[in-house]
Amino acid sequence: MHLRVYYDDTDAGGIVYHANYLKFCERARSELFFERGKSPAMNGGHFVVKKLEADYKKPAKLGDLVEVKHEIISFRNTSLTLKQNIWLDDVKIFEMISVLVFVKDGKPSKVDDETKEFFKSIF
């Protein structure tokens, strides 16, 4: 997914504020569902971030057009590990690895087959 860097994404120096890279990744992940007529909340549950590791490689600046790409690293009964990279042209500027846990009624729950297959089809 391509995203334009707007003024409100930047800090006083005109570069993307560090927390906004996480927002870009979340927005891009959610958009994968919306593009297919689905909601990120599926089959009575949704994924929440349990853990993440972020690596800021180079800054994005006001007006840049960045692209977020996704890759599933692993799938378990109640969670998945997802890698998301943000690219500026041909340069990877950010990498995030997150563990997402499937939650129903506020508790970790087994990912049903339909949700698992949907995730595998979009990533």
PDB file of N, CA and C in Angstrom:
ATOM      1  N   MET A   1       0.837  -1.169   0.000  1.00  0.00           N
ATOM      2  CA  MET A   1       0.000   0.000   0.000  1.00  0.00           C
ATOM      3  C   MET A   1       0.884   1.234   0.000  1.00  0.00           C
ATOM      4  N   HIS A   2       0.536   2.191  -0.826  1.00  0.00           N
ATOM      5  CA  HIS A   2       1.276   3.446  -0.889  1.00  0.00           C
ATOM      6  C   HIS A   2       0.623   4.487   0.020  1.00  0.00           C
ATOM      7  N   LEU A   3       1.452   5.231   0.730  1.00  0.00           N
ATOM      8  CA  LEU A   3       0.987   6.297   1.609  1.00  0.00           C
ATOM      9  C   LEU A   3       1.818   7.552   1.369  1.00  0.00           C
ATOM     10  N   ARG A   4       1.163   8.678   1.340  1.00  0.00           N
ATOM     11  CA  ARG A   4       1.841   9.960   1.223  1.00  0.00           C
ATOM     12  C   ARG A   4       2.137  10.471   2.628  1.00  0.00           C
ATOM     13  N   VAL A   5       3.316  11.038   2.842  1.00  0.00           N
ATOM     14  CA  VAL A   5       3.674  11.646   4.124  1.00  0.00           C
ATOM     15  C   VAL A   5       3.133  13.071   4.142  1.00  0.00           C
ATOM     16  N   TYR A   6       2.255  13.333   5.097  1.00  0.00           N
ATOM     17  CA  TYR A   6       1.656  14.652   5.243  1.00  0.00           C
ATOM     18  C   TYR A   6       2.316  15.416   6.393  1.00  0.00           C
ATOM     19  N   TYR A   7       2.020  16.692   6.433  1.00  0.00           N
ATOM     20  CA  TYR A   7       2.619  17.562   7.447  1.00  0.00           C
ATOM     21  C   TYR A   7       2.398  17.022   8.860  1.00  0.00           C
ATOM     22  N   ASP A   8       1.173  16.553   9.147  1.00  0.00           N
ATOM     23  CA  ASP A   8       0.886  16.078  10.503  1.00  0.00           C
ATOM     24  C   ASP A   8       1.571  14.747  10.837  1.00  0.00           C
ATOM     25  N   ASP A   9       2.222  14.122   9.855  1.00  0.00           N
ATOM     26  CA  ASP A   9       3.005  12.907  10.107  1.00  0.00           C
ATOM     27  C   ASP A   9       4.421  13.228  10.582  1.00  0.00           C
ATOM     28  N   THR A  10       4.812  14.486  10.447  1.00  0.00           N
ATOM     29  CA  THR A  10       6.215  14.859  10.677  1.00  0.00           C
ATOM     30  C   THR A  10       6.412  15.566  12.014  1.00  0.00           C
ATOM     31  N   ASP A  11       7.670  15.644  12.405  1.00  0.00           N
ATOM     32  CA  ASP A  11       8.034  16.386  13.610  1.00  0.00           C
ATOM     33  C   ASP A  11       8.482  17.794  13.218  1.00  0.00           C
ATOM     34  N   ALA A  12       9.027  18.521  14.152  1.00  0.00           N
ATOM     35  CA  ALA A  12       9.443  19.902  13.890  1.00  0.00           C
ATOM     36  C   ALA A  12      10.552  19.990  12.841  1.00  0.00           C
ATOM     37  N   GLY A  13      11.263  18.882  12.611  1.00  0.00           N
ATOM     38  CA  GLY A  13      12.345  18.874  11.626  1.00  0.00           C
ATOM     39  C   GLY A  13      11.910  18.453  10.234  1.00  0.00           C
ATOM     40  N   GLY A  14      10.617  18.161  10.059  1.00  0.00           N
ATOM     41  CA  GLY A  14      10.113  17.784   8.745  1.00  0.00           C
ATOM     42  C   GLY A  14      10.297  16.326   8.385  1.00  0.00           C
ATOM     43  N   ILE A  15      10.691  15.490   9.366  1.00  0.00           N
ATOM     44  CA  ILE A  15      10.801  14.052   9.106  1.00  0.00           C
ATOM     45  C   ILE A  15       9.678  13.331   9.844  1.00  0.00           C
ATOM     46  N   VAL A  16       9.347  12.129   9.387  1.00  0.00           N
ATOM     47  CA  VAL A  16       8.251  11.383   9.994  1.00  0.00           C
ATOM     48  C   VAL A  16       8.581  11.086  11.457  1.00  0.00           C
ATOM     49  N   TYR A  17       7.646  11.442  12.316  1.00  0.00           N
ATOM     50  CA  TYR A  17       7.748  11.170  13.752  1.00  0.00           C
ATOM     51  C   TYR A  17       7.741   9.653  13.954  1.00  0.00           C
ATOM     52  N   HIS A  18       8.579   9.173  14.868  1.00  0.00           N
ATOM     53  CA  HIS A  18       8.817   7.732  14.986  1.00  0.00           C
ATOM     54  C   HIS A  18       7.543   6.901  15.167  1.00  0.00           C
ATOM     55  N   ALA A  19       6.579   7.353  15.945  1.00  0.00           N
ATOM     56  CA  ALA A  19       5.363   6.573  16.186  1.00  0.00           C
ATOM     57  C   ALA A  19       4.506   6.438  14.930  1.00  0.00           C
ATOM     58  N   ASN A  20       4.666   7.344  13.992  1.00  0.00           N
ATOM     59  CA  ASN A  20       3.825   7.303  12.795  1.00  0.00           C
ATOM     60  C   ASN A  20       4.201   6.174  11.850  1.00  0.00           C
ATOM     61  N   TYR A  21       5.411   5.642  11.938  1.00  0.00           N
ATOM     62  CA  TYR A  21       5.755   4.468  11.139  1.00  0.00           C
ATOM     63  C   TYR A  21       4.871   3.294  11.576  1.00  0.00           C
ATOM     64  N   LEU A  22       4.615   3.192  12.883  1.00  0.00           N
ATOM     65  CA  LEU A  22       3.737   2.135  13.387  1.00  0.00           C
ATOM     66  C   LEU A  22       2.320   2.342  12.864  1.00  0.00           C
ATOM     67  N   LYS A  23       1.867   3.593  12.833  1.00  0.00           N
ATOM     68  CA  LYS A  23       0.541   3.896  12.301  1.00  0.00           C
ATOM     69  C   LYS A  23       0.454   3.561  10.816  1.00  0.00           C
ATOM     70  N   PHE A  24       1.504   3.843  10.075  1.00  0.00           N
ATOM     71  CA  PHE A  24       1.507   3.508   8.645  1.00  0.00           C
ATOM     72  C   PHE A  24       1.326   2.004   8.459  1.00  0.00           C
ATOM     73  N   CYS A  25       2.043   1.218   9.265  1.00  0.00           N
ATOM     74  CA  CYS A  25       1.934  -0.242   9.152  1.00  0.00           C
ATOM     75  C   CYS A  25       0.541  -0.720   9.524  1.00  0.00           C
ATOM     76  N   GLU A  26      -0.019  -0.173  10.582  1.00  0.00           N
ATOM     77  CA  GLU A  26      -1.362  -0.571  11.011  1.00  0.00           C
ATOM     78  C   GLU A  26      -2.397  -0.193   9.957  1.00  0.00           C
ATOM     79  N   ARG A  27      -2.280   1.003   9.425  1.00  0.00           N
ATOM     80  CA  ARG A  27      -3.222   1.464   8.396  1.00  0.00           C
ATOM     81  C   ARG A  27      -3.138   0.559   7.169  1.00  0.00           C
ATOM     82  N   ALA A  28      -1.942   0.214   6.760  1.00  0.00           N
ATOM     83  CA  ALA A  28      -1.771  -0.630   5.571  1.00  0.00           C
ATOM     84  C   ALA A  28      -2.318  -2.032   5.805  1.00  0.00           C
ATOM     85  N   ARG A  29      -2.117  -2.567   7.002  1.00  0.00           N
ATOM     86  CA  ARG A  29      -2.636  -3.907   7.315  1.00  0.00           C
ATOM     87  C   ARG A  29      -4.164  -3.887   7.296  1.00  0.00           C
ATOM     88  N   SER A  30      -4.766  -2.885   7.909  1.00  0.00           N
ATOM     89  CA  SER A  30      -6.230  -2.780   7.917  1.00  0.00           C
ATOM     90  C   SER A  30      -6.782  -2.597   6.507  1.00  0.00           C
ATOM     91  N   GLU A  31      -6.079  -1.828   5.698  1.00  0.00           N
ATOM     92  CA  GLU A  31      -6.548  -1.556   4.340  1.00  0.00           C
ATOM     93  C   GLU A  31      -6.617  -2.826   3.507  1.00  0.00           C
ATOM     94  N   LEU A  32      -5.764  -3.804   3.783  1.00  0.00           N
ATOM     95  CA  LEU A  32      -5.816  -5.075   3.072  1.00  0.00           C
ATOM     96  C   LEU A  32      -7.180  -5.748   3.256  1.00  0.00           C
ATOM     97  N   PHE A  33      -7.757  -5.607   4.439  1.00  0.00           N
ATOM     98  CA  PHE A  33      -9.091  -6.150   4.693  1.00  0.00           C
ATOM     99  C   PHE A  33     -10.147  -5.342   3.956  1.00  0.00           C
ATOM    100  N   PHE A  34     -10.099  -4.018   4.146  1.00  0.00           N
ATOM    101  CA  PHE A  34     -11.122  -3.148   3.561  1.00  0.00           C
ATOM    102  C   PHE A  34     -11.174  -3.263   2.040  1.00  0.00           C
ATOM    103  N   GLU A  35     -10.017  -3.419   1.402  1.00  0.00           N
ATOM    104  CA  GLU A  35      -9.968  -3.568  -0.056  1.00  0.00           C
ATOM    105  C   GLU A  35     -10.719  -4.810  -0.526  1.00  0.00           C
ATOM    106  N   ARG A  36     -10.864  -5.779   0.363  1.00  0.00           N
ATOM    107  CA  ARG A  36     -11.524  -7.038   0.016  1.00  0.00           C
ATOM    108  C   ARG A  36     -12.927  -7.133   0.616  1.00  0.00           C
ATOM    109  N   GLY A  37     -13.442  -5.986   1.073  1.00  0.00           N
ATOM    110  CA  GLY A  37     -14.792  -5.951   1.611  1.00  0.00           C
ATOM    111  C   GLY A  37     -14.940  -6.576   2.981  1.00  0.00           C
ATOM    112  N   LYS A  38     -13.847  -6.715   3.706  1.00  0.00           N
ATOM    113  CA  LYS A  38     -13.871  -7.322   5.043  1.00  0.00           C
ATOM    114  C   LYS A  38     -13.462  -6.283   6.075  1.00  0.00           C
ATOM    115  N   SER A  39     -13.620  -6.660   7.326  1.00  0.00           N
ATOM    116  CA  SER A  39     -13.182  -5.835   8.447  1.00  0.00           C
ATOM    117  C   SER A  39     -12.016  -6.549   9.139  1.00  0.00           C
ATOM    118  N   PRO A  40     -11.092  -5.808   9.738  1.00  0.00           N
ATOM    119  CA  PRO A  40     -10.036  -6.465  10.516  1.00  0.00           C
ATOM    120  C   PRO A  40     -10.598  -7.257  11.705  1.00  0.00           C
ATOM    121  N   ALA A  41     -11.821  -6.943  12.119  1.00  0.00           N
ATOM    122  CA  ALA A  41     -12.506  -7.738  13.146  1.00  0.00           C
ATOM    123  C   ALA A  41     -13.301  -8.813  12.408  1.00  0.00           C
ATOM    124  N   MET A  42     -12.835 -10.065  12.512  1.00  0.00           N
ATOM    125  CA  MET A  42     -13.443 -11.158  11.754  1.00  0.00           C
ATOM    126  C   MET A  42     -13.928 -12.265  12.671  1.00  0.00           C
ATOM    127  N   ASN A  43     -15.064 -12.829  12.307  1.00  0.00           N
ATOM    128  CA  ASN A  43     -15.587 -14.027  12.974  1.00  0.00           C
ATOM    129  C   ASN A  43     -15.614 -13.890  14.502  1.00  0.00           C
ATOM    130  N   GLY A  44     -16.024 -12.719  14.958  1.00  0.00           N
ATOM    131  CA  GLY A  44     -16.162 -12.494  16.398  1.00  0.00           C
ATOM    132  C   GLY A  44     -14.871 -12.192  17.118  1.00  0.00           C
ATOM    133  N   GLY A  45     -13.787 -12.019  16.395  1.00  0.00           N
ATOM    134  CA  GLY A  45     -12.503 -11.727  17.033  1.00  0.00           C
ATOM    135  C   GLY A  45     -11.707 -10.725  16.229  1.00  0.00           C
ATOM    136  N   HIS A  46     -10.558 -10.373  16.769  1.00  0.00           N
ATOM    137  CA  HIS A  46      -9.649  -9.459  16.075  1.00  0.00           C
ATOM    138  C   HIS A  46      -8.237  -9.689  16.604  1.00  0.00           C
ATOM    139  N   PHE A  47      -7.271  -9.159  15.877  1.00  0.00           N
ATOM    140  CA  PHE A  47      -5.876  -9.305  16.274  1.00  0.00           C
ATOM    141  C   PHE A  47      -5.412  -8.077  17.041  1.00  0.00           C
ATOM    142  N   VAL A  48      -4.648  -8.310  18.102  1.00  0.00           N
ATOM    143  CA  VAL A  48      -4.034  -7.231  18.863  1.00  0.00           C
ATOM    144  C   VAL A  48      -2.524  -7.462  18.887  1.00  0.00           C
ATOM    145  N   VAL A  49      -1.785  -6.382  18.963  1.00  0.00           N
ATOM    146  CA  VAL A  49      -0.329  -6.486  18.999  1.00  0.00           C
ATOM    147  C   VAL A  49       0.115  -6.870  20.408  1.00  0.00           C
ATOM    148  N   LYS A  50       0.862  -7.962  20.495  1.00  0.00           N
ATOM    149  CA  LYS A  50       1.412  -8.408  21.771  1.00  0.00           C
ATOM    150  C   LYS A  50       2.845  -7.908  21.941  1.00  0.00           C
ATOM    151  N   LYS A  51       3.576  -7.922  20.831  1.00  0.00           N
ATOM    152  CA  LYS A  51       4.996  -7.581  20.885  1.00  0.00           C
ATOM    153  C   LYS A  51       5.391  -7.018  19.539  1.00  0.00           C
ATOM    154  N   LEU A  52       6.295  -6.044  19.554  1.00  0.00           N
ATOM    155  CA  LEU A  52       6.829  -5.576  18.278  1.00  0.00           C
ATOM    156  C   LEU A  52       8.269  -5.124  18.436  1.00  0.00           C
ATOM    157  N   GLU A  53       8.962  -5.234  17.333  1.00  0.00           N
ATOM    158  CA  GLU A  53      10.351  -4.797  17.234  1.00  0.00           C
ATOM    159  C   GLU A  53      10.441  -3.900  16.012  1.00  0.00           C
ATOM    160  N   ALA A  54      10.937  -2.694  16.206  1.00  0.00           N
ATOM    161  CA  ALA A  54      11.001  -1.725  15.118  1.00  0.00           C
ATOM    162  C   ALA A  54      12.445  -1.336  14.846  1.00  0.00           C
ATOM    163  N   ASP A  55      12.770  -1.228  13.569  1.00  0.00           N
ATOM    164  CA  ASP A  55      14.117  -0.836  13.147  1.00  0.00           C
ATOM    165  C   ASP A  55      13.983   0.332  12.166  1.00  0.00           C
ATOM    166  N   TYR A  56      14.398   1.504  12.626  1.00  0.00           N
ATOM    167  CA  TYR A  56      14.338   2.720  11.817  1.00  0.00           C
ATOM    168  C   TYR A  56      15.654   2.844  11.059  1.00  0.00           C
ATOM    169  N   LYS A  57      15.599   2.714   9.747  1.00  0.00           N
ATOM    170  CA  LYS A  57      16.813   2.692   8.941  1.00  0.00           C
ATOM    171  C   LYS A  57      17.146   4.050   8.334  1.00  0.00           C
ATOM    172  N   LYS A  58      16.161   4.710   7.742  1.00  0.00           N
ATOM    173  CA  LYS A  58      16.343   6.036   7.141  1.00  0.00           C
ATOM    174  C   LYS A  58      15.038   6.797   7.307  1.00  0.00           C
ATOM    175  N   PRO A  59      15.094   8.109   7.370  1.00  0.00           N
ATOM    176  CA  PRO A  59      13.851   8.869   7.576  1.00  0.00           C
ATOM    177  C   PRO A  59      13.066   9.085   6.285  1.00  0.00           C
ATOM    178  N   ALA A  60      11.751   9.167   6.452  1.00  0.00           N
ATOM    179  CA  ALA A  60      10.878   9.658   5.383  1.00  0.00           C
ATOM    180  C   ALA A  60      10.570  11.109   5.713  1.00  0.00           C
ATOM    181  N   LYS A  61      10.292  11.885   4.677  1.00  0.00           N
ATOM    182  CA  LYS A  61      10.088  13.321   4.859  1.00  0.00           C
ATOM    183  C   LYS A  61       8.772  13.758   4.255  1.00  0.00           C
ATOM    184  N   LEU A  62       8.373  14.953   4.604  1.00  0.00           N
ATOM    185  CA  LEU A  62       7.151  15.553   4.112  1.00  0.00           C
ATOM    186  C   LEU A  62       7.061  15.431   2.593  1.00  0.00           C
ATOM    187  N   GLY A  63       5.925  14.903   2.110  1.00  0.00           N
ATOM    188  CA  GLY A  63       5.694  14.774   0.677  1.00  0.00           C
ATOM    189  C   GLY A  63       6.139  13.459   0.075  1.00  0.00           C
ATOM    190  N   ASP A  64       6.957  12.676   0.799  1.00  0.00           N
ATOM    191  CA  ASP A  64       7.404  11.387   0.265  1.00  0.00           C
ATOM    192  C   ASP A  64       6.222  10.448   0.065  1.00  0.00           C
ATOM    193  N   LEU A  65       6.342   9.583  -0.924  1.00  0.00           N
ATOM    194  CA  LEU A  65       5.371   8.524  -1.152  1.00  0.00           C
ATOM    195  C   LEU A  65       6.056   7.217  -0.765  1.00  0.00           C
ATOM    196  N   VAL A  66       5.586   6.609   0.318  1.00  0.00           N
ATOM    197  CA  VAL A  66       6.193   5.384   0.819  1.00  0.00           C
ATOM    198  C   VAL A  66       5.267   4.209   0.531  1.00  0.00           C
ATOM    199  N   GLU A  67       5.840   3.011   0.547  1.00  0.00           N
ATOM    200  CA  GLU A  67       5.058   1.798   0.325  1.00  0.00           C
ATOM    201  C   GLU A  67       5.278   0.834   1.472  1.00  0.00           C
ATOM    202  N   VAL A  68       4.181   0.300   2.007  1.00  0.00           N
ATOM    203  CA  VAL A  68       4.241  -0.689   3.079  1.00  0.00           C
ATOM    204  C   VAL A  68       4.016  -2.065   2.467  1.00  0.00           C
ATOM    205  N   LYS A  69       4.948  -2.984   2.755  1.00  0.00           N
ATOM    206  CA  LYS A  69       4.833  -4.370   2.281  1.00  0.00           C
ATOM    207  C   LYS A  69       4.788  -5.299   3.482  1.00  0.00           C
ATOM    208  N   HIS A  70       4.096  -6.433   3.330  1.00  0.00           N
ATOM    209  CA  HIS A  70       3.831  -7.351   4.437  1.00  0.00           C
ATOM    210  C   HIS A  70       4.322  -8.755   4.101  1.00  0.00           C
ATOM    211  N   GLU A  71       4.689  -9.477   5.165  1.00  0.00           N
ATOM    212  CA  GLU A  71       5.081 -10.878   4.997  1.00  0.00           C
ATOM    213  C   GLU A  71       4.795 -11.621   6.301  1.00  0.00           C
ATOM    214  N   ILE A  72       4.078 -12.748   6.207  1.00  0.00           N
ATOM    215  CA  ILE A  72       3.864 -13.577   7.396  1.00  0.00           C
ATOM    216  C   ILE A  72       5.129 -14.392   7.637  1.00  0.00           C
ATOM    217  N   ILE A  73       5.635 -14.314   8.847  1.00  0.00           N
ATOM    218  CA  ILE A  73       6.814 -15.093   9.222  1.00  0.00           C
ATOM    219  C   ILE A  73       6.379 -16.449   9.773  1.00  0.00           C
ATOM    220  N   SER A  74       5.351 -16.454  10.637  1.00  0.00           N
ATOM    221  CA  SER A  74       4.848 -17.717  11.180  1.00  0.00           C
ATOM    222  C   SER A  74       3.405 -17.558  11.622  1.00  0.00           C
ATOM    223  N   PHE A  75       2.717 -18.696  11.670  1.00  0.00           N
ATOM    224  CA  PHE A  75       1.333 -18.745  12.128  1.00  0.00           C
ATOM    225  C   PHE A  75       1.268 -19.807  13.205  1.00  0.00           C
ATOM    226  N   ARG A  76       0.666 -19.483  14.333  1.00  0.00           N
ATOM    227  CA  ARG A  76       0.469 -20.444  15.416  1.00  0.00           C
ATOM    228  C   ARG A  76      -1.015 -20.546  15.711  1.00  0.00           C
ATOM    229  N   ASN A  77      -1.372 -21.319  16.727  1.00  0.00           N
ATOM    230  CA  ASN A  77      -2.794 -21.519  17.035  1.00  0.00           C
ATOM    231  C   ASN A  77      -3.531 -20.223  17.343  1.00  0.00           C
ATOM    232  N   THR A  78      -2.920 -19.347  18.152  1.00  0.00           N
ATOM    233  CA  THR A  78      -3.604 -18.131  18.582  1.00  0.00           C
ATOM    234  C   THR A  78      -2.912 -16.854  18.107  1.00  0.00           C
ATOM    235  N   SER A  79      -1.844 -16.981  17.334  1.00  0.00           N
ATOM    236  CA  SER A  79      -1.098 -15.778  16.958  1.00  0.00           C
ATOM    237  C   SER A  79      -0.409 -15.948  15.612  1.00  0.00           C
ATOM    238  N   LEU A  80       0.065 -14.821  15.120  1.00  0.00           N
ATOM    239  CA  LEU A  80       0.915 -14.848  13.939  1.00  0.00           C
ATOM    240  C   LEU A  80       2.014 -13.813  14.121  1.00  0.00           C
ATOM    241  N   THR A  81       3.119 -14.053  13.460  1.00  0.00           N
ATOM    242  CA  THR A  81       4.222 -13.102  13.456  1.00  0.00           C
ATOM    243  C   THR A  81       4.292 -12.513  12.058  1.00  0.00           C
ATOM    244  N   LEU A  82       4.262 -11.189  12.006  1.00  0.00           N
ATOM    245  CA  LEU A  82       4.175 -10.462  10.751  1.00  0.00           C
ATOM    246  C   LEU A  82       5.360  -9.507  10.616  1.00  0.00           C
ATOM    247  N   LYS A  83       5.965  -9.505   9.425  1.00  0.00           N
ATOM    248  CA  LYS A  83       7.008  -8.535   9.114  1.00  0.00           C
ATOM    249  C   LYS A  83       6.413  -7.502   8.167  1.00  0.00           C
ATOM    250  N   GLN A  84       6.620  -6.227   8.502  1.00  0.00           N
ATOM    251  CA  GLN A  84       6.174  -5.154   7.628  1.00  0.00           C
ATOM    252  C   GLN A  84       7.372  -4.242   7.363  1.00  0.00           C
ATOM    253  N   ASN A  85       7.576  -3.964   6.089  1.00  0.00           N
ATOM    254  CA  ASN A  85       8.656  -3.076   5.672  1.00  0.00           C
ATOM    255  C   ASN A  85       8.061  -1.848   5.011  1.00  0.00           C
ATOM    256  N   ILE A  86       8.686  -0.714   5.252  1.00  0.00           N
ATOM    257  CA  ILE A  86       8.297   0.509   4.562  1.00  0.00           C
ATOM    258  C   ILE A  86       9.439   0.882   3.634  1.00  0.00           C
ATOM    259  N   TRP A  87       9.076   1.114   2.375  1.00  0.00           N
ATOM    260  CA  TRP A  87      10.042   1.415   1.324  1.00  0.00           C
ATOM    261  C   TRP A  87       9.833   2.839   0.808  1.00  0.00           C
ATOM    262  N   LEU A  88      10.912   3.490   0.503  1.00  0.00           N
ATOM    263  CA  LEU A  88      10.902   4.772  -0.202  1.00  0.00           C
ATOM    264  C   LEU A  88      11.682   4.535  -1.478  1.00  0.00           C
ATOM    265  N   ASP A  89      10.973   4.488  -2.585  1.00  0.00           N
ATOM    266  CA  ASP A  89      11.549   4.078  -3.866  1.00  0.00           C
ATOM    267  C   ASP A  89      12.118   2.674  -3.697  1.00  0.00           C
ATOM    268  N   ASP A  90      13.403   2.467  -3.923  1.00  0.00           N
ATOM    269  CA  ASP A  90      14.007   1.134  -3.800  1.00  0.00           C
ATOM    270  C   ASP A  90      14.769   0.948  -2.493  1.00  0.00           C
ATOM    271  N   VAL A  91      14.541   1.827  -1.525  1.00  0.00           N
ATOM    272  CA  VAL A  91      15.288   1.788  -0.269  1.00  0.00           C
ATOM    273  C   VAL A  91      14.348   1.428   0.882  1.00  0.00           C
ATOM    274  N   LYS A  92      14.702   0.355   1.620  1.00  0.00           N
ATOM    275  CA  LYS A  92      13.927   0.003   2.810  1.00  0.00           C
ATOM    276  C   LYS A  92      14.301   0.989   3.912  1.00  0.00           C
ATOM    277  N   ILE A  93      13.286   1.719   4.425  1.00  0.00           N
ATOM    278  CA  ILE A  93      13.579   2.738   5.427  1.00  0.00           C
ATOM    279  C   ILE A  93      13.109   2.340   6.826  1.00  0.00           C
ATOM    280  N   PHE A  94      12.272   1.297   6.917  1.00  0.00           N
ATOM    281  CA  PHE A  94      11.742   0.881   8.214  1.00  0.00           C
ATOM    282  C   PHE A  94      11.354  -0.579   8.137  1.00  0.00           C
ATOM    283  N   GLU A  95      11.598  -1.306   9.250  1.00  0.00           N
ATOM    284  CA  GLU A  95      11.183  -2.705   9.342  1.00  0.00           C
ATOM    285  C   GLU A  95      10.583  -2.944  10.708  1.00  0.00           C
ATOM    286  N   MET A  96       9.445  -3.614  10.712  1.00  0.00           N
ATOM    287  CA  MET A  96       8.793  -3.943  11.975  1.00  0.00           C
ATOM    288  C   MET A  96       8.386  -5.405  11.960  1.00  0.00           C
ATOM    289  N   ILE A  97       8.686  -6.090  13.041  1.00  0.00           N
ATOM    290  CA  ILE A  97       8.226  -7.460  13.234  1.00  0.00           C
ATOM    291  C   ILE A  97       7.305  -7.423  14.447  1.00  0.00           C
ATOM    292  N   SER A  98       6.082  -7.914  14.256  1.00  0.00           N
ATOM    293  CA  SER A  98       5.119  -7.882  15.353  1.00  0.00           C
ATOM    294  C   SER A  98       4.471  -9.246  15.532  1.00  0.00           C
ATOM    295  N   VAL A  99       4.148  -9.532  16.784  1.00  0.00           N
ATOM    296  CA  VAL A  99       3.379 -10.723  17.124  1.00  0.00           C
ATOM    297  C   VAL A  99       1.961 -10.248  17.380  1.00  0.00           C
ATOM    298  N   LEU A 100       1.022 -10.784  16.600  1.00  0.00           N
ATOM    299  CA  LEU A 100      -0.387 -10.426  16.709  1.00  0.00           C
ATOM    300  C   LEU A 100      -1.148 -11.611  17.294  1.00  0.00           C
ATOM    301  N   VAL A 101      -1.923 -11.355  18.331  1.00  0.00           N
ATOM    302  CA  VAL A 101      -2.696 -12.413  18.992  1.00  0.00           C
ATOM    303  C   VAL A 101      -4.165 -12.241  18.641  1.00  0.00           C
ATOM    304  N   PHE A 102      -4.809 -13.353  18.282  1.00  0.00           N
ATOM    305  CA  PHE A 102      -6.245 -13.339  17.973  1.00  0.00           C
ATOM    306  C   PHE A 102      -7.016 -13.376  19.282  1.00  0.00           C
ATOM    307  N   VAL A 103      -7.922 -12.414  19.456  1.00  0.00           N
ATOM    308  CA  VAL A 103      -8.651 -12.248  20.713  1.00  0.00           C
ATOM    309  C   VAL A 103     -10.148 -12.295  20.442  1.00  0.00           C
ATOM    310  N   LYS A 104     -10.854 -13.058  21.288  1.00  0.00           N
ATOM    311  CA  LYS A 104     -12.320 -13.076  21.295  1.00  0.00           C
ATOM    312  C   LYS A 104     -12.757 -12.856  22.739  1.00  0.00           C
ATOM    313  N   ASP A 105     -13.715 -11.984  22.928  1.00  0.00           N
ATOM    314  CA  ASP A 105     -14.214 -11.679  24.281  1.00  0.00           C
ATOM    315  C   ASP A 105     -13.084 -11.328  25.241  1.00  0.00           C
ATOM    316  N   GLY A 106     -12.059 -10.640  24.726  1.00  0.00           N
ATOM    317  CA  GLY A 106     -10.963 -10.173  25.578  1.00  0.00           C
ATOM    318  C   GLY A 106      -9.928 -11.221  25.944  1.00  0.00           C
ATOM    319  N   LYS A 107     -10.034 -12.419  25.356  1.00  0.00           N
ATOM    320  CA  LYS A 107      -9.099 -13.495  25.698  1.00  0.00           C
ATOM    321  C   LYS A 107      -8.479 -14.069  24.427  1.00  0.00           C
ATOM    322  N   PRO A 108      -7.216 -14.498  24.508  1.00  0.00           N
ATOM    323  CA  PRO A 108      -6.609 -15.156  23.352  1.00  0.00           C
ATOM    324  C   PRO A 108      -7.455 -16.360  22.939  1.00  0.00           C
ATOM    325  N   SER A 109      -7.596 -16.516  21.620  1.00  0.00           N
ATOM    326  CA  SER A 109      -8.445 -17.581  21.095  1.00  0.00           C
ATOM    327  C   SER A 109      -7.777 -18.202  19.878  1.00  0.00           C
ATOM    328  N   LYS A 110      -8.114 -19.455  19.634  1.00  0.00           N
ATOM    329  CA  LYS A 110      -7.587 -20.136  18.452  1.00  0.00           C
ATOM    330  C   LYS A 110      -8.086 -19.428  17.192  1.00  0.00           C
ATOM    331  N   VAL A 111      -7.178 -19.227  16.257  1.00  0.00           N
ATOM    332  CA  VAL A 111      -7.532 -18.617  14.981  1.00  0.00           C
ATOM    333  C   VAL A 111      -8.301 -19.652  14.171  1.00  0.00           C
ATOM    334  N   ASP A 112      -9.542 -19.318  13.800  1.00  0.00           N
ATOM    335  CA  ASP A 112     -10.348 -20.255  13.027  1.00  0.00           C
ATOM    336  C   ASP A 112      -9.764 -20.394  11.625  1.00  0.00           C
ATOM    337  N   ASP A 113     -10.108 -21.493  10.967  1.00  0.00           N
ATOM    338  CA  ASP A 113      -9.536 -21.803   9.654  1.00  0.00           C
ATOM    339  C   ASP A 113      -9.854 -20.734   8.607  1.00  0.00           C
ATOM    340  N   GLU A 114     -11.078 -20.191   8.629  1.00  0.00           N
ATOM    341  CA  GLU A 114     -11.448 -19.177   7.651  1.00  0.00           C
ATOM    342  C   GLU A 114     -10.576 -17.923   7.784  1.00  0.00           C
ATOM    343  N   THR A 115     -10.368 -17.478   9.017  1.00  0.00           N
ATOM    344  CA  THR A 115      -9.526 -16.298   9.252  1.00  0.00           C
ATOM    345  C   THR A 115      -8.081 -16.581   8.860  1.00  0.00           C
ATOM    346  N   LYS A 116      -7.599 -17.763   9.213  1.00  0.00           N
ATOM    347  CA  LYS A 116      -6.225 -18.138   8.874  1.00  0.00           C
ATOM    348  C   LYS A 116      -6.027 -18.159   7.359  1.00  0.00           C
ATOM    349  N   GLU A 117      -6.958 -18.758   6.637  1.00  0.00           N
ATOM    350  CA  GLU A 117      -6.843 -18.817   5.178  1.00  0.00           C
ATOM    351  C   GLU A 117      -6.932 -17.424   4.551  1.00  0.00           C
ATOM    352  N   PHE A 118      -7.806 -16.582   5.113  1.00  0.00           N
ATOM    353  CA  PHE A 118      -7.904 -15.221   4.601  1.00  0.00           C
ATOM    354  C   PHE A 118      -6.575 -14.492   4.783  1.00  0.00           C
ATOM    355  N   PHE A 119      -5.980 -14.608   5.959  1.00  0.00           N
ATOM    356  CA  PHE A 119      -4.694 -13.962   6.220  1.00  0.00           C
ATOM    357  C   PHE A 119      -3.628 -14.468   5.257  1.00  0.00           C
ATOM    358  N   LYS A 120      -3.584 -15.770   5.058  1.00  0.00           N
ATOM    359  CA  LYS A 120      -2.573 -16.327   4.151  1.00  0.00           C
ATOM    360  C   LYS A 120      -2.786 -15.836   2.718  1.00  0.00           C
ATOM    361  N   SER A 121      -4.038 -15.611   2.343  1.00  0.00           N
ATOM    362  CA  SER A 121      -4.320 -15.171   0.972  1.00  0.00           C
ATOM    363  C   SER A 121      -3.939 -13.704   0.724  1.00  0.00           C
ATOM    364  N   ILE A 122      -3.942 -12.882   1.762  1.00  0.00           N
ATOM    365  CA  ILE A 122      -3.641 -11.464   1.561  1.00  0.00           C
ATOM    366  C   ILE A 122      -2.188 -11.109   1.818  1.00  0.00           C
ATOM    367  N   PHE A 123      -1.470 -11.972   2.517  1.00  0.00           N
ATOM    368  CA  PHE A 123      -0.065 -11.651   2.779  1.00  0.00           C
ATOM    369  C   PHE A 123       0.809 -12.533   1.925  1.00  0.00           C
TER     370      PHE A 123
END
